[in-house]
Amino acid sequence: MLGAMRVLILGGQNPRHRQWVRDVAEVLQTAGYDCVTHDYRNWDGYTTRTDVETEVQAIGTLTAGWTDYAIVAKSIGTVIASLATARGLTAPAGLVFLGVPLASLDGFGAFEHAVEVLPPVQILQNESDPFGSARDVQAFFTEHAPQQWHLEVVPGRADHDYVDVETITRLVTEVAVPGGE
């Protein structure tokens, strides 16, 4: 049942994502989802960069005991969700990735192996995202594909912003309910 699905929302590295995760949660809650947001330590000014390993562990702790849930992850959140899932620290039914940051993956070689074991993934990528074009994301996922994945391209966009909450909601529904029904 749609209303029973919990959705964990992970933002990008920038502290402005504190508001973004809450905005996305508000829209998804209106659509009937039970949303949980996660704030990264660096958003509180502890550091300028997200400590991926710390956040991977935090996501594992947060989702311990959860069943029937999805994860929406933007940018560095896609790396955190992938690593936590591949390590068995979290077990979402599906994932929605927004802006996979291929250009920022130095030091995260485990990401390419992590995506191979993910549950179904819906990917939304801006055509010319400066952190990874849609073409590059297509090539990456073709090479390191999880069993089920789908890429949707936002034509003409050359930024790393993902604010189309209607599309995000639709992608969550496609992950949460087979066939999107």
C-alpha atoms as a PDB file:
ATOM      1  CA  MET A   1       0.000   0.000   0.000  1.00  0.00           C
ATOM      2  CA  LEU A   2       1.316   3.395  -1.003  1.00  0.00           C
ATOM      3  CA  GLY A   3       0.811   5.091   2.367  1.00  0.00           C
ATOM      4  CA  ALA A   4       2.757   2.408   4.191  1.00  0.00           C
ATOM      5  CA  MET A   5       5.991   3.045   2.276  1.00  0.00           C
ATOM      6  CA  ARG A   6       8.646   4.887   4.253  1.00  0.00           C
ATOM      7  CA  VAL A   7      11.103   7.045   2.312  1.00  0.00           C
ATOM      8  CA  LEU A   8      14.503   8.125   3.587  1.00  0.00           C
ATOM      9  CA  ILE A   9      15.742  11.299   1.908  1.00  0.00           C
ATOM     10  CA  LEU A  10      19.470  12.019   1.606  1.00  0.00           C
ATOM     11  CA  GLY A  11      20.741  15.311   0.234  1.00  0.00           C
ATOM     12  CA  GLY A  12      23.946  16.486  -1.329  1.00  0.00           C
ATOM     13  CA  GLN A  13      27.052  17.764   0.402  1.00  0.00           C
ATOM     14  CA  ASN A  14      26.128  21.455   0.496  1.00  0.00           C
ATOM     15  CA  PRO A  15      24.397  22.639   3.696  1.00  0.00           C
ATOM     16  CA  ARG A  16      21.616  24.160   1.555  1.00  0.00           C
ATOM     17  CA  HIS A  17      20.359  20.587   1.176  1.00  0.00           C
ATOM     18  CA  ARG A  18      19.068  20.701   4.748  1.00  0.00           C
ATOM     19  CA  GLN A  19      16.116  22.653   3.354  1.00  0.00           C
ATOM     20  CA  TRP A  20      15.983  20.659   0.109  1.00  0.00           C
ATOM     21  CA  VAL A  21      15.450  17.329   1.928  1.00  0.00           C
ATOM     22  CA  ARG A  22      12.662  18.919   3.953  1.00  0.00           C
ATOM     23  CA  ASP A  23      11.014  20.373   0.838  1.00  0.00           C
ATOM     24  CA  VAL A  24      11.110  16.982  -0.904  1.00  0.00           C
ATOM     25  CA  ALA A  25       9.792  15.282   2.245  1.00  0.00           C
ATOM     26  CA  GLU A  26       6.877  17.693   2.448  1.00  0.00           C
ATOM     27  CA  VAL A  27       5.804  16.922  -1.124  1.00  0.00           C
ATOM     28  CA  LEU A  28       6.232  13.157  -0.697  1.00  0.00           C
ATOM     29  CA  GLN A  29       4.256  13.241   2.556  1.00  0.00           C
ATOM     30  CA  THR A  30       1.424  14.969   0.708  1.00  0.00           C
ATOM     31  CA  ALA A  31       1.553  12.049  -1.758  1.00  0.00           C
ATOM     32  CA  GLY A  32       1.088   9.602   1.141  1.00  0.00           C
ATOM     33  CA  TYR A  33       4.640   8.570   1.982  1.00  0.00           C
ATOM     34  CA  ASP A  34       6.113   8.395   5.484  1.00  0.00           C
ATOM     35  CA  CYS A  35       9.275  10.496   5.068  1.00  0.00           C
ATOM     36  CA  VAL A  36      12.409  10.643   7.172  1.00  0.00           C
ATOM     37  CA  THR A  37      15.209  13.096   6.448  1.00  0.00           C
ATOM     38  CA  HIS A  38      18.830  12.709   7.451  1.00  0.00           C
ATOM     39  CA  ASP A  39      21.139  15.656   8.141  1.00  0.00           C
ATOM     40  CA  TYR A  40      24.866  15.266   7.543  1.00  0.00           C
ATOM     41  CA  ARG A  41      27.288  16.428  10.213  1.00  0.00           C
ATOM     42  CA  ASN A  42      29.015  18.850   7.830  1.00  0.00           C
ATOM     43  CA  TRP A  43      25.735  20.749   7.409  1.00  0.00           C
ATOM     44  CA  ASP A  44      26.243  21.982  10.968  1.00  0.00           C
ATOM     45  CA  GLY A  45      29.646  23.408  10.088  1.00  0.00           C
ATOM     46  CA  TYR A  46      31.819  20.626  11.536  1.00  0.00           C
ATOM     47  CA  THR A  47      33.624  20.304   8.201  1.00  0.00           C
ATOM     48  CA  THR A  48      33.151  21.501   4.641  1.00  0.00           C
ATOM     49  CA  ARG A  49      33.028  17.985   3.195  1.00  0.00           C
ATOM     50  CA  THR A  50      30.649  15.159   3.971  1.00  0.00           C
ATOM     51  CA  ASP A  51      32.355  12.282   5.787  1.00  0.00           C
ATOM     52  CA  VAL A  52      30.936   9.485   3.665  1.00  0.00           C
ATOM     53  CA  GLU A  53      31.988   6.670   6.005  1.00  0.00           C
ATOM     54  CA  THR A  54      30.404   8.368   9.021  1.00  0.00           C
ATOM     55  CA  GLU A  55      27.163   8.914   7.088  1.00  0.00           C
ATOM     56  CA  VAL A  56      27.121   5.330   5.739  1.00  0.00           C
ATOM     57  CA  GLN A  57      27.226   4.073   9.334  1.00  0.00           C
ATOM     58  CA  ALA A  58      24.590   6.602  10.406  1.00  0.00           C
ATOM     59  CA  ILE A  59      22.230   5.435   7.642  1.00  0.00           C
ATOM     60  CA  GLY A  60      22.741   1.836   8.728  1.00  0.00           C
ATOM     61  CA  THR A  61      21.863   2.748  12.314  1.00  0.00           C
ATOM     62  CA  LEU A  62      18.892   4.880  11.264  1.00  0.00           C
ATOM     63  CA  THR A  63      17.308   2.186   9.087  1.00  0.00           C
ATOM     64  CA  ALA A  64      18.000  -0.771  11.384  1.00  0.00           C
ATOM     65  CA  GLY A  65      14.782  -2.743  11.674  1.00  0.00           C
ATOM     66  CA  TRP A  66      13.031  -0.869   8.865  1.00  0.00           C
ATOM     67  CA  THR A  67      11.095  -2.823   6.253  1.00  0.00           C
ATOM     68  CA  ASP A  68       9.292  -1.757   3.089  1.00  0.00           C
ATOM     69  CA  TYR A  69      11.128   1.494   2.421  1.00  0.00           C
ATOM     70  CA  ALA A  70      12.856   3.400  -0.361  1.00  0.00           C
ATOM     71  CA  ILE A  71      15.724   5.865  -0.396  1.00  0.00           C
ATOM     72  CA  VAL A  72      15.809   9.115  -2.379  1.00  0.00           C
ATOM     73  CA  ALA A  73      19.400  10.300  -2.658  1.00  0.00           C
ATOM     74  CA  LYS A  74      20.947  13.324  -4.339  1.00  0.00           C
ATOM     75  CA  SER A  75      24.592  13.688  -5.329  1.00  0.00           C
ATOM     76  CA  ILE A  76      26.871  12.452  -2.488  1.00  0.00           C
ATOM     77  CA  GLY A  77      23.759  10.832  -1.018  1.00  0.00           C
ATOM     78  CA  THR A  78      23.805   8.388  -3.965  1.00  0.00           C
ATOM     79  CA  VAL A  79      27.266   7.255  -2.875  1.00  0.00           C
ATOM     80  CA  ILE A  80      26.216   6.967   0.783  1.00  0.00           C
ATOM     81  CA  ALA A  81      23.056   5.002  -0.071  1.00  0.00           C
ATOM     82  CA  SER A  82      24.930   2.702  -2.456  1.00  0.00           C
ATOM     83  CA  LEU A  83      27.733   1.887  -0.035  1.00  0.00           C
ATOM     84  CA  ALA A  84      25.360   1.343   2.903  1.00  0.00           C
ATOM     85  CA  THR A  85      23.162  -0.939   0.788  1.00  0.00           C
ATOM     86  CA  ALA A  86      26.049  -2.923  -0.706  1.00  0.00           C
ATOM     87  CA  ARG A  87      27.497  -3.494   2.766  1.00  0.00           C
ATOM     88  CA  GLY A  88      24.165  -4.769   4.053  1.00  0.00           C
ATOM     89  CA  LEU A  89      23.784  -1.889   6.502  1.00  0.00           C
ATOM     90  CA  THR A  90      20.483  -0.874   4.918  1.00  0.00           C
ATOM     91  CA  ALA A  91      18.073  -2.798   2.708  1.00  0.00           C
ATOM     92  CA  PRO A  92      15.718  -0.531   0.763  1.00  0.00           C
ATOM     93  CA  ALA A  93      13.195  -1.994  -1.665  1.00  0.00           C
ATOM     94  CA  GLY A  94      14.376   0.548  -4.219  1.00  0.00           C
ATOM     95  CA  LEU A  95      16.317   3.751  -4.726  1.00  0.00           C
ATOM     96  CA  VAL A  96      15.846   7.038  -6.544  1.00  0.00           C
ATOM     97  CA  PHE A  97      19.119   8.705  -7.503  1.00  0.00           C
ATOM     98  CA  LEU A  98      19.209  12.388  -8.422  1.00  0.00           C
ATOM     99  CA  GLY A  99      22.415  13.760  -9.923  1.00  0.00           C
ATOM    100  CA  VAL A 100      24.908  10.903  -9.634  1.00  0.00           C
ATOM    101  CA  PRO A 101      28.222  12.777  -9.087  1.00  0.00           C
ATOM    102  CA  LEU A 102      30.549  10.753 -11.316  1.00  0.00           C
ATOM    103  CA  ALA A 103      33.102  13.591 -11.515  1.00  0.00           C
ATOM    104  CA  SER A 104      33.456  13.586  -7.718  1.00  0.00           C
ATOM    105  CA  LEU A 105      33.965   9.876  -7.128  1.00  0.00           C
ATOM    106  CA  ASP A 106      37.741   9.940  -6.629  1.00  0.00           C
ATOM    107  CA  GLY A 107      38.381   7.941  -3.484  1.00  0.00           C
ATOM    108  CA  PHE A 108      35.087   6.072  -3.810  1.00  0.00           C
ATOM    109  CA  GLY A 109      36.207   3.207  -6.037  1.00  0.00           C
ATOM    110  CA  ALA A 110      33.852   0.964  -4.079  1.00  0.00           C
ATOM    111  CA  PHE A 111      30.918   2.856  -5.634  1.00  0.00           C
ATOM    112  CA  GLU A 112      31.239   1.077  -8.974  1.00  0.00           C
ATOM    113  CA  HIS A 113      31.036  -2.299  -7.233  1.00  0.00           C
ATOM    114  CA  ALA A 114      28.317  -1.160  -4.846  1.00  0.00           C
ATOM    115  CA  VAL A 115      25.911  -0.262  -7.655  1.00  0.00           C
ATOM    116  CA  GLU A 116      26.173  -3.781  -9.060  1.00  0.00           C
ATOM    117  CA  VAL A 117      24.189  -5.214  -6.126  1.00  0.00           C
ATOM    118  CA  LEU A 118      21.561  -2.518  -5.657  1.00  0.00           C
ATOM    119  CA  PRO A 119      17.827  -3.154  -5.692  1.00  0.00           C
ATOM    120  CA  PRO A 120      15.836  -1.388  -8.467  1.00  0.00           C
ATOM    121  CA  VAL A 121      17.120   2.146  -9.125  1.00  0.00           C
ATOM    122  CA  GLN A 122      15.407   5.063 -10.845  1.00  0.00           C
ATOM    123  CA  ILE A 123      17.964   7.693 -11.896  1.00  0.00           C
ATOM    124  CA  LEU A 124      17.203  11.302 -12.778  1.00  0.00           C
ATOM    125  CA  GLN A 125      20.175  13.065 -14.355  1.00  0.00           C
ATOM    126  CA  ASN A 126      20.360  16.497 -15.938  1.00  0.00           C
ATOM    127  CA  GLU A 127      21.578  16.250 -19.522  1.00  0.00           C
ATOM    128  CA  SER A 128      24.757  18.285 -18.898  1.00  0.00           C
ATOM    129  CA  ASP A 129      25.111  18.004 -15.117  1.00  0.00           C
ATOM    130  CA  PRO A 130      28.641  19.319 -14.371  1.00  0.00           C
ATOM    131  CA  PHE A 131      29.226  16.423 -11.948  1.00  0.00           C
ATOM    132  CA  GLY A 132      28.257  13.814 -14.529  1.00  0.00           C
ATOM    133  CA  SER A 133      26.416  14.199 -17.795  1.00  0.00           C
ATOM    134  CA  ALA A 134      23.454  11.976 -18.512  1.00  0.00           C
ATOM    135  CA  ARG A 135      25.529  10.299 -21.230  1.00  0.00           C
ATOM    136  CA  ASP A 136      28.319   9.506 -18.733  1.00  0.00           C
ATOM    137  CA  VAL A 137      25.832   8.192 -16.157  1.00  0.00           C
ATOM    138  CA  GLN A 138      24.233   6.011 -18.857  1.00  0.00           C
ATOM    139  CA  ALA A 139      27.652   4.559 -19.744  1.00  0.00           C
ATOM    140  CA  PHE A 140      28.582   4.029 -16.085  1.00  0.00           C
ATOM    141  CA  PHE A 141      25.369   2.215 -15.192  1.00  0.00           C
ATOM    142  CA  THR A 142      25.488   0.178 -18.396  1.00  0.00           C
ATOM    143  CA  GLU A 143      28.927  -1.076 -17.335  1.00  0.00           C
ATOM    144  CA  HIS A 144      28.195  -1.471 -13.602  1.00  0.00           C
ATOM    145  CA  ALA A 145      24.468  -2.096 -13.747  1.00  0.00           C
ATOM    146  CA  PRO A 146      22.341  -3.301 -10.896  1.00  0.00           C
ATOM    147  CA  GLN A 147      19.737  -5.832 -11.990  1.00  0.00           C
ATOM    148  CA  GLN A 148      17.019  -3.233 -12.564  1.00  0.00           C
ATOM    149  CA  TRP A 149      17.681   0.396 -13.338  1.00  0.00           C
ATOM    150  CA  HIS A 150      16.217   3.145 -15.435  1.00  0.00           C
ATOM    151  CA  LEU A 151      17.722   6.497 -16.401  1.00  0.00           C
ATOM    152  CA  GLU A 152      15.527   9.508 -17.065  1.00  0.00           C
ATOM    153  CA  VAL A 153      17.282  12.498 -18.608  1.00  0.00           C
ATOM    154  CA  VAL A 154      16.290  16.107 -17.980  1.00  0.00           C
ATOM    155  CA  PRO A 155      16.981  17.663 -21.392  1.00  0.00           C
ATOM    156  CA  GLY A 156      18.692  21.029 -21.649  1.00  0.00           C
ATOM    157  CA  ARG A 157      19.693  21.278 -17.980  1.00  0.00           C
ATOM    158  CA  ALA A 158      23.353  22.007 -17.297  1.00  0.00           C
ATOM    159  CA  ASP A 159      23.260  22.300 -13.513  1.00  0.00           C
ATOM    160  CA  HIS A 160      23.303  19.995 -10.505  1.00  0.00           C
ATOM    161  CA  ASP A 161      19.910  21.070  -9.132  1.00  0.00           C
ATOM    162  CA  TYR A 162      17.038  18.612  -8.860  1.00  0.00           C
ATOM    163  CA  VAL A 163      13.934  20.489  -7.820  1.00  0.00           C
ATOM    164  CA  ASP A 164      11.188  18.948  -9.969  1.00  0.00           C
ATOM    165  CA  VAL A 165       9.301  17.379  -7.075  1.00  0.00           C
ATOM    166  CA  GLU A 166       6.561  16.015  -9.341  1.00  0.00           C
ATOM    167  CA  THR A 167       9.120  13.936 -11.232  1.00  0.00           C
ATOM    168  CA  ILE A 168      10.800  12.895  -7.989  1.00  0.00           C
ATOM    169  CA  THR A 169       7.421  11.784  -6.608  1.00  0.00           C
ATOM    170  CA  ARG A 170       6.689   9.803  -9.777  1.00  0.00           C
ATOM    171  CA  LEU A 171      10.067   8.065  -9.581  1.00  0.00           C
ATOM    172  CA  VAL A 172       9.488   7.173  -5.923  1.00  0.00           C
ATOM    173  CA  THR A 173       6.118   5.713  -6.880  1.00  0.00           C
ATOM    174  CA  GLU A 174       7.755   3.660  -9.646  1.00  0.00           C
ATOM    175  CA  VAL A 175      10.230   2.232  -7.123  1.00  0.00           C
ATOM    176  CA  ALA A 176       7.641   1.788  -4.363  1.00  0.00           C
ATOM    177  CA  VAL A 177       4.860   0.264  -6.415  1.00  0.00           C
ATOM    178  CA  PRO A 178       5.817  -2.045  -9.306  1.00  0.00           C
ATOM    179  CA  GLY A 179       4.520  -0.486 -12.501  1.00  0.00           C
ATOM    180  CA  GLY A 180       3.928   2.794 -10.655  1.00  0.00           C
ATOM    181  CA  GLU A 181       0.318   1.928  -9.916  1.00  0.00           C
END
